[in-house]
């Protein structure tokens, strides 16, 4: 890919569906490449934890909805 928004020492990881994640020290960045360049989101520690909590809550709802 061209013009990646990370450096090699930030250890980018492909997550799937065209999405990459990398760490620049304070923020965890999530990005995807579009026709006009990269779209990126920076997540601080609290926002990243909120995303994890959201995932946990959604999984709990799925389990509850599958109960007889």
C-alpha atoms as a PDB file:
ATOM      1  CA  UNK A   1       0.000   0.000   0.000  1.00  0.00           C
ATOM      2  CA  UNK A   2       1.080   3.529  -0.601  1.00  0.00           C
ATOM      3  CA  UNK A   3       1.350   6.353   1.911  1.00  0.00           C
ATOM      4  CA  UNK A   4       0.595   4.296   4.991  1.00  0.00           C
ATOM      5  CA  UNK A   5      -0.156   6.533   7.996  1.00  0.00           C
ATOM      6  CA  UNK A   6       2.149   4.516  10.293  1.00  0.00           C
ATOM      7  CA  UNK A   7       5.854   3.873  10.660  1.00  0.00           C
ATOM      8  CA  UNK A   8       7.341   0.385  10.808  1.00  0.00           C
ATOM      9  CA  UNK A   9       8.145   0.696  14.512  1.00  0.00           C
ATOM     10  CA  UNK A  10       4.426   1.208  15.251  1.00  0.00           C
ATOM     11  CA  UNK A  11       3.808  -2.445  14.295  1.00  0.00           C
ATOM     12  CA  UNK A  12       0.701  -2.131  12.141  1.00  0.00           C
ATOM     13  CA  UNK A  13      -1.597  -5.141  12.152  1.00  0.00           C
ATOM     14  CA  UNK A  14      -4.177  -6.082   9.570  1.00  0.00           C
ATOM     15  CA  UNK A  15      -7.477  -6.765  11.366  1.00  0.00           C
ATOM     16  CA  UNK A  16      -9.568  -7.769   8.353  1.00  0.00           C
ATOM     17  CA  UNK A  17     -12.086  -6.083   6.038  1.00  0.00           C
ATOM     18  CA  UNK A  18      -9.427  -3.611   4.930  1.00  0.00           C
ATOM     19  CA  UNK A  19      -8.865  -2.315   8.484  1.00  0.00           C
ATOM     20  CA  UNK A  20      -5.451  -1.824  10.093  1.00  0.00           C
ATOM     21  CA  UNK A  21      -4.516  -0.959  13.679  1.00  0.00           C
ATOM     22  CA  UNK A  22      -1.298   0.496  15.061  1.00  0.00           C
ATOM     23  CA  UNK A  23      -0.005   2.068  18.263  1.00  0.00           C
ATOM     24  CA  UNK A  24       1.868   5.350  18.321  1.00  0.00           C
ATOM     25  CA  UNK A  25       2.472   5.443  22.054  1.00  0.00           C
ATOM     26  CA  UNK A  26      -0.588   7.264  23.364  1.00  0.00           C
ATOM     27  CA  UNK A  27      -3.314   6.474  20.857  1.00  0.00           C
ATOM     28  CA  UNK A  28      -4.324   3.248  19.206  1.00  0.00           C
ATOM     29  CA  UNK A  29      -5.098   4.130  15.614  1.00  0.00           C
ATOM     30  CA  UNK A  30      -7.555   2.337  13.351  1.00  0.00           C
ATOM     31  CA  UNK A  31      -7.528   3.066   9.651  1.00  0.00           C
ATOM     32  CA  UNK A  32      -8.655   1.983   6.244  1.00  0.00           C
ATOM     33  CA  UNK A  33      -7.552   3.103   2.814  1.00  0.00           C
ATOM     34  CA  UNK A  34     -10.064   4.847   0.556  1.00  0.00           C
ATOM     35  CA  UNK A  35      -9.831   6.173  -2.999  1.00  0.00           C
ATOM     36  CA  UNK A  36      -8.847   9.616  -1.691  1.00  0.00           C
ATOM     37  CA  UNK A  37      -6.388   8.432   0.987  1.00  0.00           C
ATOM     38  CA  UNK A  38      -6.586   7.000   4.487  1.00  0.00           C
ATOM     39  CA  UNK A  39      -9.489   7.380   6.900  1.00  0.00           C
ATOM     40  CA  UNK A  40      -8.193   7.080  10.463  1.00  0.00           C
ATOM     41  CA  UNK A  41      -9.534   7.194  14.010  1.00  0.00           C
ATOM     42  CA  UNK A  42      -7.395   7.726  17.123  1.00  0.00           C
ATOM     43  CA  UNK A  43      -8.556   5.973  20.294  1.00  0.00           C
ATOM     44  CA  UNK A  44      -7.201   7.025  23.678  1.00  0.00           C
ATOM     45  CA  UNK A  45      -7.122   4.506  26.535  1.00  0.00           C
ATOM     46  CA  UNK A  46     -10.603   5.365  27.821  1.00  0.00           C
ATOM     47  CA  UNK A  47     -12.200   5.248  24.375  1.00  0.00           C
ATOM     48  CA  UNK A  48     -10.487   1.969  23.545  1.00  0.00           C
ATOM     49  CA  UNK A  49     -11.764   0.484  26.827  1.00  0.00           C
ATOM     50  CA  UNK A  50     -15.256   1.761  26.018  1.00  0.00           C
ATOM     51  CA  UNK A  51     -15.064  -0.088  22.698  1.00  0.00           C
ATOM     52  CA  UNK A  52     -14.055  -3.290  24.485  1.00  0.00           C
ATOM     53  CA  UNK A  53     -16.923  -2.801  26.963  1.00  0.00           C
ATOM     54  CA  UNK A  54     -19.330  -2.293  24.055  1.00  0.00           C
ATOM     55  CA  UNK A  55     -18.199  -5.592  22.526  1.00  0.00           C
ATOM     56  CA  UNK A  56     -18.635  -7.374  25.874  1.00  0.00           C
ATOM     57  CA  UNK A  57     -22.125  -5.902  26.323  1.00  0.00           C
ATOM     58  CA  UNK A  58     -23.152  -6.931  22.803  1.00  0.00           C
ATOM     59  CA  UNK A  59     -21.930 -10.480  23.389  1.00  0.00           C
ATOM     60  CA  UNK A  60     -23.907 -10.665  26.649  1.00  0.00           C
ATOM     61  CA  UNK A  61     -27.058  -9.497  24.841  1.00  0.00           C
ATOM     62  CA  UNK A  62     -26.572 -12.177  22.186  1.00  0.00           C
ATOM     63  CA  UNK A  63     -26.235 -14.866  24.849  1.00  0.00           C
ATOM     64  CA  UNK A  64     -29.364 -13.615  26.648  1.00  0.00           C
ATOM     65  CA  UNK A  65     -31.387 -13.512  23.443  1.00  0.00           C
ATOM     66  CA  UNK A  66     -30.506 -17.162  22.736  1.00  0.00           C
ATOM     67  CA  UNK A  67     -31.838 -18.385  26.103  1.00  0.00           C
ATOM     68  CA  UNK A  68     -35.120 -20.330  26.009  1.00  0.00           C
END
